[in-house]
């Protein structure tokens, strides 16, 4: 059972803010770039769903590792969604504003629950990868359900399923999983190489992540990037 006192300590809240803001920055920068016409025309291999989602899951895994609480992942999603909603100040309260925020919250619910089930001890582990596979599969199905409620029903016919259902639940999901496996394997290899040569970081990452100053700067930058890029 998780330690409630630790879960809601100042360091835990700072870690939630930091990772949530980092997620907001990724959504604002990489998410915006991947939606540009040049990338949209390249097809599914550079789709935001296939690239940004695995990054978000990795950030959530890091938040879970630092806080040892899957509840922090849910709260991290609320932070990232709030940052995403800030574009309403620029383009107004429209579906392009609130639906991405809803998806972010759903992503955090899926990943937080998957982490609660798999309980990985390290970010670079098979359990974390299993949690990401499970979370992304459930998320893609949830995404299709939300679209169906909104009028774009992939379950309405075989034609609709082939066009949207298979695309997201199988193709996009599979691509995101492959990207996660490749990047995770490279990161794991580099980590083992550094461990072999006794390389040690000269700074304490945990102190950096839980610093109120660092968390505050990350939140400010996240809002600035999100609102600034929306205004361009």
C-alpha atoms as a PDB file:
ATOM      1  CA  UNK A   1       0.000   0.000   0.000  1.00  0.00           C
ATOM      2  CA  UNK A   2       1.299   3.459  -0.870  1.00  0.00           C
ATOM      3  CA  UNK A   3       2.438   5.884   1.767  1.00  0.00           C
ATOM      4  CA  UNK A   4      -0.190   8.640   1.858  1.00  0.00           C
ATOM      5  CA  UNK A   5       2.067  11.071   3.693  1.00  0.00           C
ATOM      6  CA  UNK A   6       4.818  10.639   1.129  1.00  0.00           C
ATOM      7  CA  UNK A   7       2.388  10.787  -1.733  1.00  0.00           C
ATOM      8  CA  UNK A   8       1.269  14.278  -0.808  1.00  0.00           C
ATOM      9  CA  UNK A   9       4.611  15.663   0.431  1.00  0.00           C
ATOM     10  CA  UNK A  10       6.012  18.888  -1.017  1.00  0.00           C
ATOM     11  CA  UNK A  11       8.622  16.960  -3.004  1.00  0.00           C
ATOM     12  CA  UNK A  12       5.914  14.787  -4.506  1.00  0.00           C
ATOM     13  CA  UNK A  13       3.849  17.791  -5.573  1.00  0.00           C
ATOM     14  CA  UNK A  14       6.938  19.429  -7.108  1.00  0.00           C
ATOM     15  CA  UNK A  15       7.690  16.241  -9.011  1.00  0.00           C
ATOM     16  CA  UNK A  16       4.091  16.116 -10.292  1.00  0.00           C
ATOM     17  CA  UNK A  17       4.333  19.739 -11.437  1.00  0.00           C
ATOM     18  CA  UNK A  18       7.720  19.178 -13.081  1.00  0.00           C
ATOM     19  CA  UNK A  19       6.745  16.076 -15.071  1.00  0.00           C
ATOM     20  CA  UNK A  20       3.328  17.501 -15.905  1.00  0.00           C
ATOM     21  CA  UNK A  21       4.943  20.693 -17.209  1.00  0.00           C
ATOM     22  CA  UNK A  22       7.458  18.669 -19.212  1.00  0.00           C
ATOM     23  CA  UNK A  23       4.551  16.796 -20.779  1.00  0.00           C
ATOM     24  CA  UNK A  24       2.953  20.146 -21.593  1.00  0.00           C
ATOM     25  CA  UNK A  25       6.155  21.327 -23.265  1.00  0.00           C
ATOM     26  CA  UNK A  26       6.321  18.159 -25.392  1.00  0.00           C
ATOM     27  CA  UNK A  27       2.681  18.621 -26.438  1.00  0.00           C
ATOM     28  CA  UNK A  28       3.262  22.284 -27.284  1.00  0.00           C
ATOM     29  CA  UNK A  29       6.501  21.853 -29.234  1.00  0.00           C
ATOM     30  CA  UNK A  30       6.741  18.374 -30.748  1.00  0.00           C
ATOM     31  CA  UNK A  31       2.961  18.035 -30.959  1.00  0.00           C
ATOM     32  CA  UNK A  32       2.721  21.313 -32.855  1.00  0.00           C
ATOM     33  CA  UNK A  33       5.584  20.410 -35.213  1.00  0.00           C
ATOM     34  CA  UNK A  34       4.094  17.020 -36.069  1.00  0.00           C
ATOM     35  CA  UNK A  35       0.787  18.679 -36.979  1.00  0.00           C
ATOM     36  CA  UNK A  36       2.449  20.989 -39.520  1.00  0.00           C
ATOM     37  CA  UNK A  37       1.521  20.299 -43.172  1.00  0.00           C
ATOM     38  CA  UNK A  38       4.994  18.986 -43.971  1.00  0.00           C
ATOM     39  CA  UNK A  39       4.709  16.206 -41.397  1.00  0.00           C
ATOM     40  CA  UNK A  40       1.000  15.551 -41.868  1.00  0.00           C
ATOM     41  CA  UNK A  41       1.715  14.625 -45.469  1.00  0.00           C
ATOM     42  CA  UNK A  42       4.276  11.962 -44.508  1.00  0.00           C
ATOM     43  CA  UNK A  43       1.650   9.553 -43.171  1.00  0.00           C
ATOM     44  CA  UNK A  44       1.399   7.521 -39.990  1.00  0.00           C
ATOM     45  CA  UNK A  45       5.135   7.204 -39.339  1.00  0.00           C
ATOM     46  CA  UNK A  46       5.354  10.815 -38.182  1.00  0.00           C
ATOM     47  CA  UNK A  47       1.879  10.982 -36.671  1.00  0.00           C
ATOM     48  CA  UNK A  48       1.612  12.728 -33.320  1.00  0.00           C
ATOM     49  CA  UNK A  49      -0.314   9.758 -31.895  1.00  0.00           C
ATOM     50  CA  UNK A  50       2.559   7.396 -32.658  1.00  0.00           C
ATOM     51  CA  UNK A  51       5.380   9.643 -31.387  1.00  0.00           C
ATOM     52  CA  UNK A  52       4.077  11.965 -28.659  1.00  0.00           C
ATOM     53  CA  UNK A  53       2.066   9.300 -26.797  1.00  0.00           C
ATOM     54  CA  UNK A  54       5.066   7.024 -26.033  1.00  0.00           C
ATOM     55  CA  UNK A  55       7.004  10.062 -24.795  1.00  0.00           C
ATOM     56  CA  UNK A  56       4.100  10.975 -22.521  1.00  0.00           C
ATOM     57  CA  UNK A  57       3.990   7.430 -21.143  1.00  0.00           C
ATOM     58  CA  UNK A  58       7.732   7.522 -20.440  1.00  0.00           C
ATOM     59  CA  UNK A  59       7.348  10.837 -18.603  1.00  0.00           C
ATOM     60  CA  UNK A  60       4.526   9.308 -16.550  1.00  0.00           C
ATOM     61  CA  UNK A  61       6.709   6.287 -15.753  1.00  0.00           C
ATOM     62  CA  UNK A  62       9.417   8.653 -14.509  1.00  0.00           C
ATOM     63  CA  UNK A  63       6.903  10.498 -12.360  1.00  0.00           C
ATOM     64  CA  UNK A  64       5.743   7.179 -10.901  1.00  0.00           C
ATOM     65  CA  UNK A  65       9.349   6.136 -10.200  1.00  0.00           C
ATOM     66  CA  UNK A  66      10.190   9.414  -8.441  1.00  0.00           C
ATOM     67  CA  UNK A  67       7.037   9.578  -6.350  1.00  0.00           C
ATOM     68  CA  UNK A  68       6.319   5.852  -5.900  1.00  0.00           C
ATOM     69  CA  UNK A  69       2.640   6.677  -6.323  1.00  0.00           C
ATOM     70  CA  UNK A  70       0.434   5.890  -9.289  1.00  0.00           C
ATOM     71  CA  UNK A  71      -1.964   8.582  -8.039  1.00  0.00           C
ATOM     72  CA  UNK A  72       0.714  11.134  -8.946  1.00  0.00           C
ATOM     73  CA  UNK A  73       0.353  10.036 -12.591  1.00  0.00           C
ATOM     74  CA  UNK A  74      -3.337  10.961 -12.518  1.00  0.00           C
ATOM     75  CA  UNK A  75      -2.503  14.370 -11.055  1.00  0.00           C
ATOM     76  CA  UNK A  76       0.282  14.828 -13.587  1.00  0.00           C
ATOM     77  CA  UNK A  77      -2.309  14.358 -16.339  1.00  0.00           C
ATOM     78  CA  UNK A  78      -4.489  17.071 -14.796  1.00  0.00           C
ATOM     79  CA  UNK A  79      -1.486  19.443 -14.771  1.00  0.00           C
ATOM     80  CA  UNK A  80      -0.695  18.719 -18.439  1.00  0.00           C
ATOM     81  CA  UNK A  81      -4.378  19.032 -19.417  1.00  0.00           C
ATOM     82  CA  UNK A  82      -4.659  22.398 -17.631  1.00  0.00           C
ATOM     83  CA  UNK A  83      -1.629  23.647 -19.529  1.00  0.00           C
ATOM     84  CA  UNK A  84      -3.168  22.418 -22.785  1.00  0.00           C
ATOM     85  CA  UNK A  85      -6.405  24.289 -22.013  1.00  0.00           C
ATOM     86  CA  UNK A  86      -4.484  27.576 -21.788  1.00  0.00           C
ATOM     87  CA  UNK A  87      -4.642  27.880 -25.602  1.00  0.00           C
ATOM     88  CA  UNK A  88      -8.298  28.845 -25.093  1.00  0.00           C
ATOM     89  CA  UNK A  89      -7.013  32.349 -24.289  1.00  0.00           C
ATOM     90  CA  UNK A  90      -5.792  32.556 -27.896  1.00  0.00           C
ATOM     91  CA  UNK A  91      -8.229  30.582 -30.045  1.00  0.00           C
ATOM     92  CA  UNK A  92     -11.266  30.392 -27.754  1.00  0.00           C
ATOM     93  CA  UNK A  93     -13.150  27.519 -26.115  1.00  0.00           C
ATOM     94  CA  UNK A  94     -13.586  25.171 -29.065  1.00  0.00           C
ATOM     95  CA  UNK A  95     -13.356  21.404 -29.560  1.00  0.00           C
ATOM     96  CA  UNK A  96      -9.742  21.687 -30.722  1.00  0.00           C
ATOM     97  CA  UNK A  97      -8.968  22.986 -27.234  1.00  0.00           C
ATOM     98  CA  UNK A  98     -10.911  20.828 -24.828  1.00  0.00           C
ATOM     99  CA  UNK A  99     -10.787  17.468 -26.617  1.00  0.00           C
ATOM    100  CA  UNK A 100      -6.952  17.239 -26.505  1.00  0.00           C
ATOM    101  CA  UNK A 101      -7.152  18.065 -22.788  1.00  0.00           C
ATOM    102  CA  UNK A 102      -9.689  15.270 -22.314  1.00  0.00           C
ATOM    103  CA  UNK A 103      -7.411  12.854 -24.183  1.00  0.00           C
ATOM    104  CA  UNK A 104      -4.480  13.812 -21.939  1.00  0.00           C
ATOM    105  CA  UNK A 105      -6.517  13.019 -18.823  1.00  0.00           C
ATOM    106  CA  UNK A 106      -7.609   9.684 -20.330  1.00  0.00           C
ATOM    107  CA  UNK A 107      -3.974   8.878 -21.169  1.00  0.00           C
ATOM    108  CA  UNK A 108      -2.949   9.524 -17.568  1.00  0.00           C
ATOM    109  CA  UNK A 109      -5.830   7.380 -16.271  1.00  0.00           C
ATOM    110  CA  UNK A 110      -4.785   4.504 -18.537  1.00  0.00           C
ATOM    111  CA  UNK A 111      -1.082   4.735 -17.688  1.00  0.00           C
ATOM    112  CA  UNK A 112      -1.598   5.323 -13.975  1.00  0.00           C
ATOM    113  CA  UNK A 113      -3.837   2.261 -13.753  1.00  0.00           C
ATOM    114  CA  UNK A 114      -1.400   0.165 -15.822  1.00  0.00           C
ATOM    115  CA  UNK A 115       1.460   1.192 -13.511  1.00  0.00           C
ATOM    116  CA  UNK A 116      -0.659   0.254 -10.494  1.00  0.00           C
ATOM    117  CA  UNK A 117      -1.078  -3.224 -12.011  1.00  0.00           C
ATOM    118  CA  UNK A 118       2.462  -3.832 -13.323  1.00  0.00           C
ATOM    119  CA  UNK A 119       4.312  -2.020 -10.473  1.00  0.00           C
ATOM    120  CA  UNK A 120       7.653  -1.565 -12.296  1.00  0.00           C
ATOM    121  CA  UNK A 121      10.688  -0.933 -10.089  1.00  0.00           C
ATOM    122  CA  UNK A 122      12.662   0.801 -12.854  1.00  0.00           C
ATOM    123  CA  UNK A 123      11.673   2.992 -15.787  1.00  0.00           C
ATOM    124  CA  UNK A 124      13.769   0.956 -18.210  1.00  0.00           C
ATOM    125  CA  UNK A 125      12.234  -2.443 -17.555  1.00  0.00           C
ATOM    126  CA  UNK A 126       9.970  -5.030 -19.162  1.00  0.00           C
ATOM    127  CA  UNK A 127       7.262  -4.201 -16.619  1.00  0.00           C
ATOM    128  CA  UNK A 128       7.282  -0.569 -17.691  1.00  0.00           C
ATOM    129  CA  UNK A 129       7.112  -1.633 -21.324  1.00  0.00           C
ATOM    130  CA  UNK A 130       4.205  -3.931 -20.481  1.00  0.00           C
ATOM    131  CA  UNK A 131       2.450  -1.064 -18.701  1.00  0.00           C
ATOM    132  CA  UNK A 132       2.910   1.168 -21.766  1.00  0.00           C
ATOM    133  CA  UNK A 133       1.580  -1.514 -24.125  1.00  0.00           C
ATOM    134  CA  UNK A 134      -1.478  -2.056 -21.934  1.00  0.00           C
ATOM    135  CA  UNK A 135      -2.063   1.675 -21.376  1.00  0.00           C
ATOM    136  CA  UNK A 136      -1.768   2.590 -25.041  1.00  0.00           C
ATOM    137  CA  UNK A 137      -4.069  -0.232 -26.160  1.00  0.00           C
ATOM    138  CA  UNK A 138      -6.752   0.768 -23.655  1.00  0.00           C
ATOM    139  CA  UNK A 139      -6.269   4.433 -24.552  1.00  0.00           C
ATOM    140  CA  UNK A 140      -6.701   3.834 -28.280  1.00  0.00           C
ATOM    141  CA  UNK A 141      -9.934   1.952 -27.608  1.00  0.00           C
ATOM    142  CA  UNK A 142     -11.078   4.758 -25.283  1.00  0.00           C
ATOM    143  CA  UNK A 143     -10.217   7.294 -27.986  1.00  0.00           C
ATOM    144  CA  UNK A 144     -12.462   5.459 -30.456  1.00  0.00           C
ATOM    145  CA  UNK A 145     -15.286   5.429 -27.902  1.00  0.00           C
ATOM    146  CA  UNK A 146     -14.942   9.185 -27.331  1.00  0.00           C
ATOM    147  CA  UNK A 147     -14.997   9.763 -31.097  1.00  0.00           C
ATOM    148  CA  UNK A 148     -18.105   7.553 -31.361  1.00  0.00           C
ATOM    149  CA  UNK A 149     -19.867   9.621 -28.695  1.00  0.00           C
ATOM    150  CA  UNK A 150     -18.851  12.741 -30.609  1.00  0.00           C
ATOM    151  CA  UNK A 151     -20.442  11.444 -33.825  1.00  0.00           C
ATOM    152  CA  UNK A 152     -17.517   9.742 -35.567  1.00  0.00           C
ATOM    153  CA  UNK A 153     -18.452   6.133 -34.817  1.00  0.00           C
ATOM    154  CA  UNK A 154     -15.806   3.639 -35.893  1.00  0.00           C
ATOM    155  CA  UNK A 155     -18.065   0.816 -34.709  1.00  0.00           C
ATOM    156  CA  UNK A 156     -20.973   1.790 -36.971  1.00  0.00           C
ATOM    157  CA  UNK A 157     -19.949  -0.391 -39.920  1.00  0.00           C
ATOM    158  CA  UNK A 158     -17.133  -2.540 -41.291  1.00  0.00           C
ATOM    159  CA  UNK A 159     -16.153   0.323 -43.583  1.00  0.00           C
ATOM    160  CA  UNK A 160     -15.971   2.763 -40.667  1.00  0.00           C
ATOM    161  CA  UNK A 161     -13.993   0.233 -38.616  1.00  0.00           C
ATOM    162  CA  UNK A 162     -11.495  -0.327 -41.423  1.00  0.00           C
ATOM    163  CA  UNK A 163     -11.051   3.430 -41.829  1.00  0.00           C
ATOM    164  CA  UNK A 164     -10.694   4.469 -38.176  1.00  0.00           C
ATOM    165  CA  UNK A 165     -10.886   1.509 -35.822  1.00  0.00           C
ATOM    166  CA  UNK A 166      -8.120  -0.585 -37.320  1.00  0.00           C
ATOM    167  CA  UNK A 167      -6.016   2.512 -37.938  1.00  0.00           C
ATOM    168  CA  UNK A 168      -5.883   3.550 -34.289  1.00  0.00           C
ATOM    169  CA  UNK A 169      -6.352   0.316 -32.355  1.00  0.00           C
ATOM    170  CA  UNK A 170      -3.896  -1.689 -34.451  1.00  0.00           C
ATOM    171  CA  UNK A 171      -1.734   0.412 -36.799  1.00  0.00           C
ATOM    172  CA  UNK A 172      -1.108   3.495 -34.648  1.00  0.00           C
ATOM    173  CA  UNK A 173      -0.994   1.432 -31.486  1.00  0.00           C
ATOM    174  CA  UNK A 174       1.471  -1.027 -32.993  1.00  0.00           C
ATOM    175  CA  UNK A 175       3.667   1.740 -34.364  1.00  0.00           C
ATOM    176  CA  UNK A 176       3.768   3.522 -31.000  1.00  0.00           C
ATOM    177  CA  UNK A 177       4.707   0.263 -29.286  1.00  0.00           C
ATOM    178  CA  UNK A 178       7.508  -0.386 -31.801  1.00  0.00           C
ATOM    179  CA  UNK A 179       8.861   3.145 -31.330  1.00  0.00           C
ATOM    180  CA  UNK A 180       8.750   2.661 -27.561  1.00  0.00           C
ATOM    181  CA  UNK A 181      10.577  -0.664 -27.799  1.00  0.00           C
ATOM    182  CA  UNK A 182      13.303   0.721 -30.079  1.00  0.00           C
ATOM    183  CA  UNK A 183      13.943   3.905 -28.071  1.00  0.00           C
ATOM    184  CA  UNK A 184      13.695   2.025 -24.769  1.00  0.00           C
ATOM    185  CA  UNK A 185      16.181  -0.593 -25.967  1.00  0.00           C
ATOM    186  CA  UNK A 186      18.640   2.100 -27.065  1.00  0.00           C
ATOM    187  CA  UNK A 187      18.269   3.920 -23.739  1.00  0.00           C
ATOM    188  CA  UNK A 188      18.713   0.646 -21.832  1.00  0.00           C
ATOM    189  CA  UNK A 189      21.845  -0.146 -23.852  1.00  0.00           C
ATOM    190  CA  UNK A 190      23.330   3.295 -23.179  1.00  0.00           C
ATOM    191  CA  UNK A 191      22.508   2.955 -19.482  1.00  0.00           C
ATOM    192  CA  UNK A 192      24.253  -0.430 -19.293  1.00  0.00           C
ATOM    193  CA  UNK A 193      27.248   0.970 -21.211  1.00  0.00           C
ATOM    194  CA  UNK A 194      27.530   3.865 -18.756  1.00  0.00           C
ATOM    195  CA  UNK A 195      27.207   1.401 -15.883  1.00  0.00           C
ATOM    196  CA  UNK A 196      29.961  -0.777 -17.387  1.00  0.00           C
ATOM    197  CA  UNK A 197      32.368   2.179 -17.513  1.00  0.00           C
ATOM    198  CA  UNK A 198      31.307   3.371 -14.032  1.00  0.00           C
ATOM    199  CA  UNK A 199      29.979   6.654 -15.382  1.00  0.00           C
ATOM    200  CA  UNK A 200      28.137   8.664 -12.740  1.00  0.00           C
ATOM    201  CA  UNK A 201      26.118  11.834 -13.049  1.00  0.00           C
ATOM    202  CA  UNK A 202      27.571  14.782 -11.155  1.00  0.00           C
ATOM    203  CA  UNK A 203      24.169  16.050 -10.077  1.00  0.00           C
ATOM    204  CA  UNK A 204      21.273  14.559  -8.195  1.00  0.00           C
ATOM    205  CA  UNK A 205      18.389  14.293 -10.661  1.00  0.00           C
ATOM    206  CA  UNK A 206      15.893  13.678  -7.866  1.00  0.00           C
ATOM    207  CA  UNK A 207      16.843  16.958  -6.161  1.00  0.00           C
ATOM    208  CA  UNK A 208      16.519  18.755  -9.492  1.00  0.00           C
ATOM    209  CA  UNK A 209      13.077  17.312 -10.208  1.00  0.00           C
ATOM    210  CA  UNK A 210      11.703  18.039  -6.726  1.00  0.00           C
ATOM    211  CA  UNK A 211      13.065  21.597  -6.542  1.00  0.00           C
ATOM    212  CA  UNK A 212      10.272  24.232  -6.265  1.00  0.00           C
ATOM    213  CA  UNK A 213      12.337  26.609  -8.418  1.00  0.00           C
ATOM    214  CA  UNK A 214      12.858  24.065 -11.188  1.00  0.00           C
ATOM    215  CA  UNK A 215       9.203  22.971 -11.066  1.00  0.00           C
ATOM    216  CA  UNK A 216       8.054  26.606 -11.178  1.00  0.00           C
ATOM    217  CA  UNK A 217      10.296  27.423 -14.135  1.00  0.00           C
ATOM    218  CA  UNK A 218       9.082  24.297 -15.973  1.00  0.00           C
ATOM    219  CA  UNK A 219       5.430  25.276 -15.443  1.00  0.00           C
ATOM    220  CA  UNK A 220       6.038  28.853 -16.629  1.00  0.00           C
ATOM    221  CA  UNK A 221       7.922  27.636 -19.717  1.00  0.00           C
ATOM    222  CA  UNK A 222       5.181  25.126 -20.453  1.00  0.00           C
ATOM    223  CA  UNK A 223       2.436  27.769 -20.396  1.00  0.00           C
ATOM    224  CA  UNK A 224       4.668  30.135 -22.420  1.00  0.00           C
ATOM    225  CA  UNK A 225       5.356  27.537 -25.135  1.00  0.00           C
ATOM    226  CA  UNK A 226       1.721  26.402 -25.273  1.00  0.00           C
ATOM    227  CA  UNK A 227       0.214  29.888 -25.508  1.00  0.00           C
ATOM    228  CA  UNK A 228       3.040  31.314 -27.634  1.00  0.00           C
ATOM    229  CA  UNK A 229       2.943  28.601 -30.294  1.00  0.00           C
ATOM    230  CA  UNK A 230      -0.856  28.764 -30.399  1.00  0.00           C
ATOM    231  CA  UNK A 231      -0.601  32.488 -31.143  1.00  0.00           C
ATOM    232  CA  UNK A 232       1.717  31.967 -34.126  1.00  0.00           C
END
